[in-house]
Amino acid sequence: MPQLLPYFFVNQILFAIFSLFTIIFVFSRYVLPYFVHLFTSRVYIRKL
């Protein structure tokens, strides 16, 4: 049973931390600025 081995938990924790860091980095670098740009352009278009 691999669940009883200690490095199994270490591997899972490290993979989870790495995955969360990657997802947060991708969202903050690429996804969220797109939405900010979209909303600001909507505000400027609405003010016209």
C-alpha atoms as a PDB file:
ATOM      1  CA  MET A   1       0.000   0.000   0.000  1.00  0.00           C
ATOM      2  CA  PRO A   2       1.748   3.212  -1.103  1.00  0.00           C
ATOM      3  CA  GLN A   3      -0.326   5.337   1.296  1.00  0.00           C
ATOM      4  CA  LEU A   4       1.675   4.041   4.247  1.00  0.00           C
ATOM      5  CA  LEU A   5       5.008   5.246   2.900  1.00  0.00           C
ATOM      6  CA  PRO A   6       6.102   8.628   4.272  1.00  0.00           C
ATOM      7  CA  TYR A   7       7.458   9.976   0.986  1.00  0.00           C
ATOM      8  CA  PHE A   8       4.029   9.374  -0.572  1.00  0.00           C
ATOM      9  CA  PHE A   9       2.577  12.148   1.620  1.00  0.00           C
ATOM     10  CA  VAL A  10       5.583  14.395   1.015  1.00  0.00           C
ATOM     11  CA  ASN A  11       5.162  13.892  -2.721  1.00  0.00           C
ATOM     12  CA  GLN A  12       1.453  14.714  -2.529  1.00  0.00           C
ATOM     13  CA  ILE A  13       2.031  17.841  -0.441  1.00  0.00           C
ATOM     14  CA  LEU A  14       4.812  19.100  -2.702  1.00  0.00           C
ATOM     15  CA  PHE A  15       2.748  18.448  -5.815  1.00  0.00           C
ATOM     16  CA  ALA A  16      -0.241  20.262  -4.281  1.00  0.00           C
ATOM     17  CA  ILE A  17       1.878  23.275  -3.293  1.00  0.00           C
ATOM     18  CA  PHE A  18       3.494  23.396  -6.730  1.00  0.00           C
ATOM     19  CA  SER A  19       0.120  23.108  -8.450  1.00  0.00           C
ATOM     20  CA  LEU A  20      -1.427  25.860  -6.349  1.00  0.00           C
ATOM     21  CA  PHE A  21       1.564  28.132  -6.943  1.00  0.00           C
ATOM     22  CA  THR A  22       1.372  27.495 -10.695  1.00  0.00           C
ATOM     23  CA  ILE A  23      -2.374  28.142 -10.838  1.00  0.00           C
ATOM     24  CA  ILE A  24      -2.077  31.343  -8.778  1.00  0.00           C
ATOM     25  CA  PHE A  25       0.826  32.548 -10.930  1.00  0.00           C
ATOM     26  CA  VAL A  26      -0.988  31.870 -14.209  1.00  0.00           C
ATOM     27  CA  PHE A  27      -4.171  33.539 -12.983  1.00  0.00           C
ATOM     28  CA  SER A  28      -2.398  36.613 -11.613  1.00  0.00           C
ATOM     29  CA  ARG A  29      -0.138  36.993 -14.639  1.00  0.00           C
ATOM     30  CA  TYR A  30      -2.441  36.224 -17.566  1.00  0.00           C
ATOM     31  CA  VAL A  31      -6.109  35.698 -16.682  1.00  0.00           C
ATOM     32  CA  LEU A  32      -6.905  38.454 -14.183  1.00  0.00           C
ATOM     33  CA  PRO A  33      -5.291  41.358 -16.127  1.00  0.00           C
ATOM     34  CA  TYR A  34      -7.444  40.367 -19.095  1.00  0.00           C
ATOM     35  CA  PHE A  35     -10.600  40.800 -17.016  1.00  0.00           C
ATOM     36  CA  VAL A  36      -9.349  44.109 -15.589  1.00  0.00           C
ATOM     37  CA  HIS A  37      -8.683  45.359 -19.107  1.00  0.00           C
ATOM     38  CA  LEU A  38     -12.120  44.166 -20.214  1.00  0.00           C
ATOM     39  CA  PHE A  39     -13.911  45.902 -17.341  1.00  0.00           C
ATOM     40  CA  THR A  40     -12.004  49.175 -17.765  1.00  0.00           C
ATOM     41  CA  SER A  41     -12.778  49.221 -21.474  1.00  0.00           C
ATOM     42  CA  ARG A  42     -16.450  48.623 -20.625  1.00  0.00           C
ATOM     43  CA  VAL A  43     -16.381  51.578 -18.218  1.00  0.00           C
ATOM     44  CA  TYR A  44     -14.806  53.845 -20.864  1.00  0.00           C
ATOM     45  CA  ILE A  45     -17.311  52.742 -23.496  1.00  0.00           C
ATOM     46  CA  ARG A  46     -20.216  53.303 -21.080  1.00  0.00           C
ATOM     47  CA  LYS A  47     -19.015  56.865 -20.341  1.00  0.00           C
ATOM     48  CA  LEU A  48     -19.070  57.833 -24.025  1.00  0.00           C
END
